[in-house]
Amino acid sequence: RVLLRSRALQLKSDLDLKFYQQVKLVNYIRREIHMCRCHFCQEKFHFKAELVTHMEETKHITLLPDRHAWDQPQYYFPTYENDTLLCTLTESDGELIAEIGRA
């Protein structure tokens, strides 16, 4: 969880993702982990502990999946209800200004 939070905070600065792109990426990774599947190579495991071991040993835990995998409309919806991790995501200043301009 700590790793996901720190990665979520890096999304905006490292990848220059807009708010809803951040949401989709986080939801995609959450879903893959929930299904015991590596978000990077798609290998499936029976237990989360096996998945974590795989991701650590292969360094997949530090890699992000291809954009075409996660940039899909279905990932607008959270894997977990009331996901507090999604609350840590922020909009860029430009997005906020554009949103205020539309109001």
C-alpha atoms as a PDB file:
ATOM      1  CA  ARG A   1       0.000   0.000   0.000  1.00  0.00           C
ATOM      2  CA  VAL A   2       2.789   2.390   0.841  1.00  0.00           C
ATOM      3  CA  LEU A   3       4.388   1.704  -2.527  1.00  0.00           C
ATOM      4  CA  LEU A   4       1.133   2.379  -4.354  1.00  0.00           C
ATOM      5  CA  ARG A   5       0.673   5.649  -2.473  1.00  0.00           C
ATOM      6  CA  SER A   6       4.180   6.834  -3.299  1.00  0.00           C
ATOM      7  CA  ARG A   7       3.734   5.781  -6.947  1.00  0.00           C
ATOM      8  CA  ALA A   8       0.409   7.605  -7.077  1.00  0.00           C
ATOM      9  CA  LEU A   9       2.071  10.782  -5.893  1.00  0.00           C
ATOM     10  CA  GLN A  10       4.726  10.394  -8.609  1.00  0.00           C
ATOM     11  CA  LEU A  11       2.201   9.920 -11.410  1.00  0.00           C
ATOM     12  CA  LYS A  12       1.517  13.584 -11.924  1.00  0.00           C
ATOM     13  CA  SER A  13       5.140  14.706 -11.916  1.00  0.00           C
ATOM     14  CA  ASP A  14       6.879  11.751 -13.590  1.00  0.00           C
ATOM     15  CA  LEU A  15       4.368  10.871 -16.279  1.00  0.00           C
ATOM     16  CA  ASP A  16       2.538  14.174 -16.626  1.00  0.00           C
ATOM     17  CA  LEU A  17      -0.798  12.357 -16.345  1.00  0.00           C
ATOM     18  CA  LYS A  18      -4.029  14.265 -16.074  1.00  0.00           C
ATOM     19  CA  PHE A  19      -6.273  13.569 -13.117  1.00  0.00           C
ATOM     20  CA  TYR A  20      -8.527  11.015 -14.809  1.00  0.00           C
ATOM     21  CA  GLN A  21      -5.535   9.273 -16.377  1.00  0.00           C
ATOM     22  CA  GLN A  22      -4.101   8.888 -12.876  1.00  0.00           C
ATOM     23  CA  VAL A  23      -7.431   7.448 -11.710  1.00  0.00           C
ATOM     24  CA  LYS A  24      -7.509   4.908 -14.532  1.00  0.00           C
ATOM     25  CA  LEU A  25      -3.912   3.811 -13.976  1.00  0.00           C
ATOM     26  CA  VAL A  26      -4.395   3.345 -10.225  1.00  0.00           C
ATOM     27  CA  ASN A  27      -7.667   1.480 -10.754  1.00  0.00           C
ATOM     28  CA  TYR A  28      -6.036  -0.777 -13.353  1.00  0.00           C
ATOM     29  CA  ILE A  29      -3.137  -1.692 -11.062  1.00  0.00           C
ATOM     30  CA  ARG A  30      -5.510  -2.210  -8.131  1.00  0.00           C
ATOM     31  CA  ARG A  31      -7.697  -4.528 -10.217  1.00  0.00           C
ATOM     32  CA  GLU A  32      -4.768  -6.564 -11.491  1.00  0.00           C
ATOM     33  CA  ILE A  33      -3.398  -7.045  -7.976  1.00  0.00           C
ATOM     34  CA  HIS A  34      -6.870  -7.901  -6.670  1.00  0.00           C
ATOM     35  CA  MET A  35      -7.051 -10.626  -9.344  1.00  0.00           C
ATOM     36  CA  CYS A  36      -3.546 -11.903  -8.368  1.00  0.00           C
ATOM     37  CA  ARG A  37      -2.153 -10.929 -11.756  1.00  0.00           C
ATOM     38  CA  CYS A  38       1.062  -9.010 -12.411  1.00  0.00           C
ATOM     39  CA  HIS A  39       0.108  -5.635 -13.869  1.00  0.00           C
ATOM     40  CA  PHE A  40       3.208  -5.629 -16.046  1.00  0.00           C
ATOM     41  CA  CYS A  41       3.544  -9.140 -17.534  1.00  0.00           C
ATOM     42  CA  GLN A  42       0.019 -10.446 -16.844  1.00  0.00           C
ATOM     43  CA  GLU A  43       1.261 -13.639 -15.147  1.00  0.00           C
ATOM     44  CA  LYS A  44      -1.481 -15.062 -12.903  1.00  0.00           C
ATOM     45  CA  PHE A  45      -0.882 -16.411  -9.383  1.00  0.00           C
ATOM     46  CA  HIS A  46      -2.964 -18.349  -6.868  1.00  0.00           C
ATOM     47  CA  PHE A  47      -1.961 -16.213  -3.891  1.00  0.00           C
ATOM     48  CA  LYS A  48      -1.083 -12.550  -3.427  1.00  0.00           C
ATOM     49  CA  ALA A  49       2.114 -13.497  -1.620  1.00  0.00           C
ATOM     50  CA  GLU A  50       3.292 -15.301  -4.774  1.00  0.00           C
ATOM     51  CA  LEU A  51       2.400 -12.258  -6.841  1.00  0.00           C
ATOM     52  CA  VAL A  52       4.323  -9.925  -4.543  1.00  0.00           C
ATOM     53  CA  THR A  53       7.369 -12.216  -4.621  1.00  0.00           C
ATOM     54  CA  HIS A  54       7.221 -12.338  -8.422  1.00  0.00           C
ATOM     55  CA  MET A  55       6.871  -8.563  -8.725  1.00  0.00           C
ATOM     56  CA  GLU A  56       9.772  -7.937  -6.355  1.00  0.00           C
ATOM     57  CA  GLU A  57      12.098 -10.522  -7.937  1.00  0.00           C
ATOM     58  CA  THR A  58      11.408  -9.404 -11.512  1.00  0.00           C
ATOM     59  CA  LYS A  59      11.343  -5.709 -10.548  1.00  0.00           C
ATOM     60  CA  HIS A  60       7.890  -5.467 -12.136  1.00  0.00           C
ATOM     61  CA  ILE A  61       6.833  -3.639  -8.993  1.00  0.00           C
ATOM     62  CA  THR A  62       8.821  -0.647 -10.273  1.00  0.00           C
ATOM     63  CA  LEU A  63       7.466  -0.758 -13.829  1.00  0.00           C
ATOM     64  CA  LEU A  64       4.258   0.658 -15.202  1.00  0.00           C
ATOM     65  CA  PRO A  65       2.067  -1.159 -17.716  1.00  0.00           C
ATOM     66  CA  ASP A  66       1.637  -0.004 -21.302  1.00  0.00           C
ATOM     67  CA  ARG A  67      -0.804   2.859 -21.664  1.00  0.00           C
ATOM     68  CA  HIS A  68      -3.146   0.894 -23.956  1.00  0.00           C
ATOM     69  CA  ALA A  69      -3.737  -1.613 -21.129  1.00  0.00           C
ATOM     70  CA  TRP A  70      -4.966   0.905 -18.537  1.00  0.00           C
ATOM     71  CA  ASP A  71      -6.217   3.895 -20.548  1.00  0.00           C
ATOM     72  CA  GLN A  72      -9.673   2.365 -20.945  1.00  0.00           C
ATOM     73  CA  PRO A  73     -13.083   3.722 -19.823  1.00  0.00           C
ATOM     74  CA  GLN A  74     -13.740   0.757 -17.515  1.00  0.00           C
ATOM     75  CA  TYR A  75     -10.950   1.970 -15.222  1.00  0.00           C
ATOM     76  CA  TYR A  76     -12.802   5.157 -14.322  1.00  0.00           C
ATOM     77  CA  PHE A  77     -14.500   2.974 -11.714  1.00  0.00           C
ATOM     78  CA  PRO A  78     -12.604   1.988  -8.563  1.00  0.00           C
ATOM     79  CA  THR A  79     -11.788  -1.595  -7.644  1.00  0.00           C
ATOM     80  CA  TYR A  80     -12.456  -0.843  -3.984  1.00  0.00           C
ATOM     81  CA  GLU A  81     -15.388   1.239  -2.770  1.00  0.00           C
ATOM     82  CA  ASN A  82     -14.305   4.485  -1.065  1.00  0.00           C
ATOM     83  CA  ASP A  83     -10.680   3.951  -2.123  1.00  0.00           C
ATOM     84  CA  THR A  84      -8.697   6.492  -0.109  1.00  0.00           C
ATOM     85  CA  LEU A  85      -5.714   6.149  -2.439  1.00  0.00           C
ATOM     86  CA  LEU A  86      -7.758   7.836  -5.177  1.00  0.00           C
ATOM     87  CA  CYS A  87      -8.286  10.786  -2.825  1.00  0.00           C
ATOM     88  CA  THR A  88      -4.529  11.443  -2.824  1.00  0.00           C
ATOM     89  CA  LEU A  89      -4.476  12.117  -6.564  1.00  0.00           C
ATOM     90  CA  THR A  90      -4.402  15.745  -7.589  1.00  0.00           C
ATOM     91  CA  GLU A  91      -5.302  17.733 -10.641  1.00  0.00           C
ATOM     92  CA  SER A  92      -2.699  19.860 -12.351  1.00  0.00           C
ATOM     93  CA  ASP A  93      -2.975  23.637 -12.097  1.00  0.00           C
ATOM     94  CA  GLY A  94      -3.909  23.812 -15.775  1.00  0.00           C
ATOM     95  CA  GLU A  95      -6.779  21.359 -15.281  1.00  0.00           C
ATOM     96  CA  LEU A  96      -8.065  23.342 -12.333  1.00  0.00           C
ATOM     97  CA  ILE A  97      -7.947  26.585 -14.282  1.00  0.00           C
ATOM     98  CA  ALA A  98      -9.740  24.977 -17.237  1.00  0.00           C
ATOM     99  CA  GLU A  99     -12.390  23.513 -14.915  1.00  0.00           C
ATOM    100  CA  ILE A 100     -12.948  26.892 -13.237  1.00  0.00           C
ATOM    101  CA  GLY A 101     -13.196  28.510 -16.661  1.00  0.00           C
ATOM    102  CA  ARG A 102     -16.012  26.136 -17.629  1.00  0.00           C
ATOM    103  CA  ALA A 103     -17.985  26.875 -14.454  1.00  0.00           C
END
